[in-house]
Amino acid sequence: MTYAGDSSIDARVRAVVADFNTRQTKLFIRFALIEGPILLLLAVLIFAFEVIGPDIGVWVLVAVAVIGGFLMSMLLVRLMQARTQAIAQARGDNPLF
C-alpha cells in the first residue's frame, strides 16, 4: 500500500514491522500448539490416570507453566531486540553514534 509522501525509508520500516508482526504471531501460535498439549497430557496423566498423586501433580503443572512462561518471555525479548535492530538498520541508523 502506498501512502502520500511515502519515502523509501518509511516503506522499509513498514516492511520490517510487518515482517516481525508475522514472526510474533507465528511464535505465539507455535508456542500454544506445543505448550497446550503438554499441559493437557500432564493433566490427564495426573488427574485421570493418577500416575502422579494430585498433590504433587499440581506442582508439576505449575512448574511446567512457569518454565513455559519464562521460555515465552525469553523468546519475546529476543524477537523484540531483533526487531529494534532491524528497524534501526532499515532507517540507516549507525549503531556507533
N, C-alpha and C. Protein backbone atom coordinates (compact mmCIF):
# COMPACT_ATOMS: atom_id res chain seq x y z
N MET A 1 0.84 -1.16 0.00
CA MET A 1 0.00 0.00 0.00
C MET A 1 0.89 1.23 0.00
N THR A 2 0.60 2.19 -0.84
CA THR A 2 1.42 3.37 -0.97
C THR A 2 0.74 4.54 -0.26
N TYR A 3 1.51 5.33 0.42
CA TYR A 3 0.99 6.49 1.14
C TYR A 3 1.50 7.76 0.48
N ALA A 4 0.75 8.84 0.66
CA ALA A 4 1.20 10.13 0.15
C ALA A 4 2.43 10.55 0.93
N GLY A 5 3.43 11.02 0.26
CA GLY A 5 4.67 11.41 0.93
C GLY A 5 5.49 10.21 1.37
N ASP A 6 5.28 9.10 0.72
CA ASP A 6 5.97 7.86 1.09
C ASP A 6 7.43 7.93 0.66
N SER A 7 8.33 7.69 1.59
CA SER A 7 9.74 7.63 1.24
C SER A 7 10.19 6.18 1.33
N SER A 8 11.30 5.90 0.77
CA SER A 8 11.78 4.53 0.79
C SER A 8 12.10 4.07 2.21
N ILE A 9 12.52 5.00 3.07
CA ILE A 9 12.82 4.63 4.45
C ILE A 9 11.55 4.22 5.17
N ASP A 10 10.48 5.00 5.01
CA ASP A 10 9.21 4.64 5.65
C ASP A 10 8.70 3.30 5.15
N ALA A 11 8.85 3.06 3.87
CA ALA A 11 8.40 1.78 3.31
C ALA A 11 9.21 0.62 3.87
N ARG A 12 10.52 0.82 4.01
CA ARG A 12 11.36 -0.26 4.58
C ARG A 12 10.98 -0.52 6.03
N VAL A 13 10.74 0.54 6.80
CA VAL A 13 10.37 0.36 8.21
C VAL A 13 9.03 -0.36 8.31
N ARG A 14 8.06 0.01 7.48
CA ARG A 14 6.77 -0.67 7.50
C ARG A 14 6.92 -2.14 7.12
N ALA A 15 7.80 -2.44 6.17
CA ALA A 15 8.04 -3.83 5.78
C ALA A 15 8.65 -4.62 6.93
N VAL A 16 9.59 -4.01 7.64
CA VAL A 16 10.22 -4.68 8.78
C VAL A 16 9.19 -4.92 9.88
N VAL A 17 8.37 -3.92 10.17
CA VAL A 17 7.35 -4.06 11.21
C VAL A 17 6.36 -5.16 10.83
N ALA A 18 5.93 -5.18 9.58
CA ALA A 18 5.00 -6.23 9.13
C ALA A 18 5.63 -7.61 9.24
N ASP A 19 6.90 -7.71 8.87
CA ASP A 19 7.59 -9.00 8.96
C ASP A 19 7.68 -9.48 10.41
N PHE A 20 8.02 -8.59 11.31
CA PHE A 20 8.16 -9.00 12.71
C PHE A 20 6.80 -9.24 13.36
N ASN A 21 5.75 -8.57 12.89
CA ASN A 21 4.41 -8.89 13.40
C ASN A 21 4.02 -10.31 12.99
N THR A 22 4.37 -10.68 11.77
CA THR A 22 4.10 -12.05 11.31
C THR A 22 4.91 -13.06 12.12
N ARG A 23 6.18 -12.75 12.36
CA ARG A 23 7.02 -13.65 13.17
C ARG A 23 6.46 -13.82 14.58
N GLN A 24 6.00 -12.71 15.17
CA GLN A 24 5.47 -12.76 16.53
C GLN A 24 4.19 -13.60 16.58
N THR A 25 3.33 -13.45 15.59
CA THR A 25 2.11 -14.24 15.53
C THR A 25 2.44 -15.72 15.40
N LYS A 26 3.39 -16.05 14.53
CA LYS A 26 3.80 -17.45 14.37
C LYS A 26 4.40 -18.00 15.66
N LEU A 27 5.16 -17.17 16.38
CA LEU A 27 5.74 -17.60 17.65
C LEU A 27 4.65 -17.95 18.65
N PHE A 28 3.64 -17.08 18.77
CA PHE A 28 2.54 -17.35 19.71
C PHE A 28 1.79 -18.63 19.33
N ILE A 29 1.54 -18.81 18.05
CA ILE A 29 0.79 -20.00 17.62
C ILE A 29 1.60 -21.26 17.86
N ARG A 30 2.88 -21.25 17.48
CA ARG A 30 3.72 -22.43 17.72
C ARG A 30 3.82 -22.74 19.21
N PHE A 31 4.01 -21.71 20.02
CA PHE A 31 4.14 -21.93 21.45
C PHE A 31 2.85 -22.53 22.02
N ALA A 32 1.71 -21.99 21.61
CA ALA A 32 0.44 -22.52 22.11
C ALA A 32 0.22 -23.96 21.65
N LEU A 33 0.62 -24.27 20.42
CA LEU A 33 0.44 -25.63 19.91
C LEU A 33 1.37 -26.63 20.58
N ILE A 34 2.43 -26.17 21.17
CA ILE A 34 3.34 -27.06 21.90
C ILE A 34 2.98 -27.13 23.37
N GLU A 35 2.79 -25.97 23.98
CA GLU A 35 2.54 -25.90 25.43
C GLU A 35 1.18 -26.48 25.80
N GLY A 36 0.17 -26.23 24.99
CA GLY A 36 -1.18 -26.72 25.29
C GLY A 36 -1.26 -28.23 25.41
N PRO A 37 -0.81 -28.97 24.40
CA PRO A 37 -0.86 -30.43 24.53
C PRO A 37 0.00 -30.97 25.68
N ILE A 38 1.11 -30.32 25.95
CA ILE A 38 1.95 -30.79 27.07
C ILE A 38 1.18 -30.66 28.38
N LEU A 39 0.56 -29.49 28.59
CA LEU A 39 -0.21 -29.30 29.82
C LEU A 39 -1.42 -30.23 29.87
N LEU A 40 -2.08 -30.44 28.73
CA LEU A 40 -3.23 -31.34 28.68
C LEU A 40 -2.80 -32.77 29.00
N LEU A 41 -1.69 -33.22 28.41
CA LEU A 41 -1.20 -34.56 28.68
C LEU A 41 -0.85 -34.73 30.16
N LEU A 42 -0.19 -33.74 30.72
CA LEU A 42 0.13 -33.82 32.15
C LEU A 42 -1.13 -33.86 33.01
N ALA A 43 -2.11 -33.05 32.68
CA ALA A 43 -3.35 -33.03 33.46
C ALA A 43 -4.06 -34.39 33.38
N VAL A 44 -4.07 -34.97 32.20
CA VAL A 44 -4.71 -36.29 32.05
C VAL A 44 -3.93 -37.34 32.83
N LEU A 45 -2.61 -37.31 32.74
CA LEU A 45 -1.80 -38.29 33.49
C LEU A 45 -1.95 -38.12 34.99
N ILE A 46 -2.08 -36.88 35.43
CA ILE A 46 -2.14 -36.63 36.87
C ILE A 46 -3.53 -36.91 37.43
N PHE A 47 -4.57 -36.38 36.77
CA PHE A 47 -5.90 -36.46 37.37
C PHE A 47 -6.75 -37.62 36.87
N ALA A 48 -6.53 -38.09 35.63
CA ALA A 48 -7.34 -39.19 35.13
C ALA A 48 -6.70 -40.54 35.45
N PHE A 49 -5.43 -40.68 35.13
CA PHE A 49 -4.75 -41.96 35.36
C PHE A 49 -4.01 -42.02 36.69
N GLU A 50 -3.89 -40.91 37.35
CA GLU A 50 -3.23 -40.81 38.66
C GLU A 50 -1.85 -41.45 38.67
N VAL A 51 -1.07 -41.16 37.62
CA VAL A 51 0.31 -41.63 37.55
C VAL A 51 1.11 -40.94 38.64
N ILE A 52 0.84 -39.68 38.84
CA ILE A 52 1.44 -38.90 39.92
C ILE A 52 0.29 -38.47 40.81
N GLY A 53 0.52 -38.44 42.10
CA GLY A 53 -0.52 -38.01 43.02
C GLY A 53 -0.96 -36.58 42.73
N PRO A 54 -2.24 -36.28 42.90
CA PRO A 54 -2.74 -34.94 42.61
C PRO A 54 -2.06 -33.83 43.42
N ASP A 55 -1.63 -34.14 44.64
CA ASP A 55 -0.96 -33.12 45.46
C ASP A 55 0.37 -32.70 44.83
N ILE A 56 1.12 -33.65 44.36
CA ILE A 56 2.40 -33.37 43.70
C ILE A 56 2.15 -32.92 42.26
N GLY A 57 1.14 -33.50 41.63
CA GLY A 57 0.85 -33.20 40.23
C GLY A 57 0.52 -31.75 39.97
N VAL A 58 -0.15 -31.12 40.91
CA VAL A 58 -0.47 -29.70 40.76
C VAL A 58 0.82 -28.89 40.69
N TRP A 59 1.77 -29.26 41.50
CA TRP A 59 3.06 -28.53 41.48
C TRP A 59 3.83 -28.80 40.20
N VAL A 60 3.68 -30.00 39.65
CA VAL A 60 4.31 -30.31 38.36
C VAL A 60 3.70 -29.45 37.27
N LEU A 61 2.38 -29.32 37.27
CA LEU A 61 1.70 -28.46 36.30
C LEU A 61 2.14 -27.01 36.45
N VAL A 62 2.24 -26.54 37.68
CA VAL A 62 2.68 -25.16 37.92
C VAL A 62 4.12 -24.98 37.44
N ALA A 63 4.97 -25.95 37.70
CA ALA A 63 6.37 -25.84 37.26
C ALA A 63 6.47 -25.80 35.74
N VAL A 64 5.71 -26.63 35.05
CA VAL A 64 5.74 -26.63 33.59
C VAL A 64 5.21 -25.30 33.06
N ALA A 65 4.17 -24.78 33.67
CA ALA A 65 3.61 -23.49 33.24
C ALA A 65 4.61 -22.35 33.48
N VAL A 66 5.30 -22.38 34.60
CA VAL A 66 6.29 -21.34 34.89
C VAL A 66 7.47 -21.42 33.92
N ILE A 67 7.94 -22.63 33.67
CA ILE A 67 9.03 -22.81 32.71
C ILE A 67 8.59 -22.33 31.33
N GLY A 68 7.38 -22.67 30.94
CA GLY A 68 6.85 -22.22 29.65
C GLY A 68 6.72 -20.71 29.58
N GLY A 69 6.28 -20.09 30.66
CA GLY A 69 6.18 -18.63 30.69
C GLY A 69 7.54 -17.97 30.60
N PHE A 70 8.53 -18.53 31.29
CA PHE A 70 9.88 -17.99 31.22
C PHE A 70 10.45 -18.13 29.82
N LEU A 71 10.23 -19.28 29.20
CA LEU A 71 10.69 -19.50 27.84
C LEU A 71 10.02 -18.54 26.86
N MET A 72 8.71 -18.35 27.02
CA MET A 72 7.99 -17.41 26.16
C MET A 72 8.53 -15.99 26.33
N SER A 73 8.81 -15.60 27.55
CA SER A 73 9.36 -14.26 27.81
C SER A 73 10.72 -14.09 27.14
N MET A 74 11.57 -15.11 27.25
CA MET A 74 12.88 -15.04 26.62
C MET A 74 12.77 -14.92 25.11
N LEU A 75 11.90 -15.71 24.51
CA LEU A 75 11.73 -15.66 23.07
C LEU A 75 11.18 -14.31 22.61
N LEU A 76 10.26 -13.74 23.37
CA LEU A 76 9.72 -12.43 23.02
C LEU A 76 10.75 -11.33 23.15
N VAL A 77 11.58 -11.39 24.18
CA VAL A 77 12.63 -10.39 24.34
C VAL A 77 13.62 -10.46 23.19
N ARG A 78 14.00 -11.67 22.80
CA ARG A 78 14.92 -11.82 21.66
C ARG A 78 14.29 -11.29 20.38
N LEU A 79 13.01 -11.57 20.19
CA LEU A 79 12.33 -11.09 19.00
C LEU A 79 12.24 -9.56 18.99
N MET A 80 11.96 -8.97 20.13
CA MET A 80 11.87 -7.50 20.21
C MET A 80 13.24 -6.85 20.00
N GLN A 81 14.29 -7.46 20.49
CA GLN A 81 15.63 -6.92 20.25
C GLN A 81 15.98 -6.99 18.77
N ALA A 82 15.66 -8.11 18.14
CA ALA A 82 15.93 -8.25 16.71
C ALA A 82 15.10 -7.24 15.91
N ARG A 83 13.87 -7.01 16.34
CA ARG A 83 13.01 -6.03 15.67
C ARG A 83 13.58 -4.63 15.78
N THR A 84 14.04 -4.27 16.96
CA THR A 84 14.62 -2.94 17.16
C THR A 84 15.85 -2.75 16.28
N GLN A 85 16.70 -3.77 16.22
CA GLN A 85 17.89 -3.69 15.37
C GLN A 85 17.53 -3.61 13.89
N ALA A 86 16.53 -4.36 13.48
CA ALA A 86 16.13 -4.35 12.07
C ALA A 86 15.52 -3.00 11.69
N ILE A 87 14.74 -2.41 12.58
CA ILE A 87 14.17 -1.09 12.29
C ILE A 87 15.27 -0.04 12.20
N ALA A 88 16.23 -0.10 13.12
CA ALA A 88 17.35 0.85 13.06
C ALA A 88 18.13 0.68 11.77
N GLN A 89 18.33 -0.55 11.35
CA GLN A 89 19.05 -0.80 10.10
C GLN A 89 18.25 -0.29 8.90
N ALA A 90 16.92 -0.48 8.94
CA ALA A 90 16.09 -0.01 7.84
C ALA A 90 16.10 1.51 7.74
N ARG A 91 16.22 2.18 8.88
CA ARG A 91 16.28 3.65 8.89
C ARG A 91 17.68 4.16 8.53
N GLY A 92 18.64 3.28 8.58
CA GLY A 92 20.02 3.68 8.28
C GLY A 92 20.74 4.28 9.46
N ASP A 93 20.26 4.00 10.67
CA ASP A 93 20.93 4.48 11.88
C ASP A 93 22.27 3.77 12.06
N ASN A 94 23.26 4.52 12.48
CA ASN A 94 24.58 3.98 12.71
C ASN A 94 24.67 3.60 14.19
N PRO A 95 24.91 2.34 14.53
CA PRO A 95 24.96 1.94 15.94
C PRO A 95 26.19 2.49 16.68
N LEU A 96 27.15 3.05 15.96
CA LEU A 96 28.36 3.56 16.61
C LEU A 96 28.16 4.96 17.19
N PHE A 97 27.09 5.63 16.79
CA PHE A 97 26.88 7.01 17.26
C PHE A 97 25.69 7.10 18.13
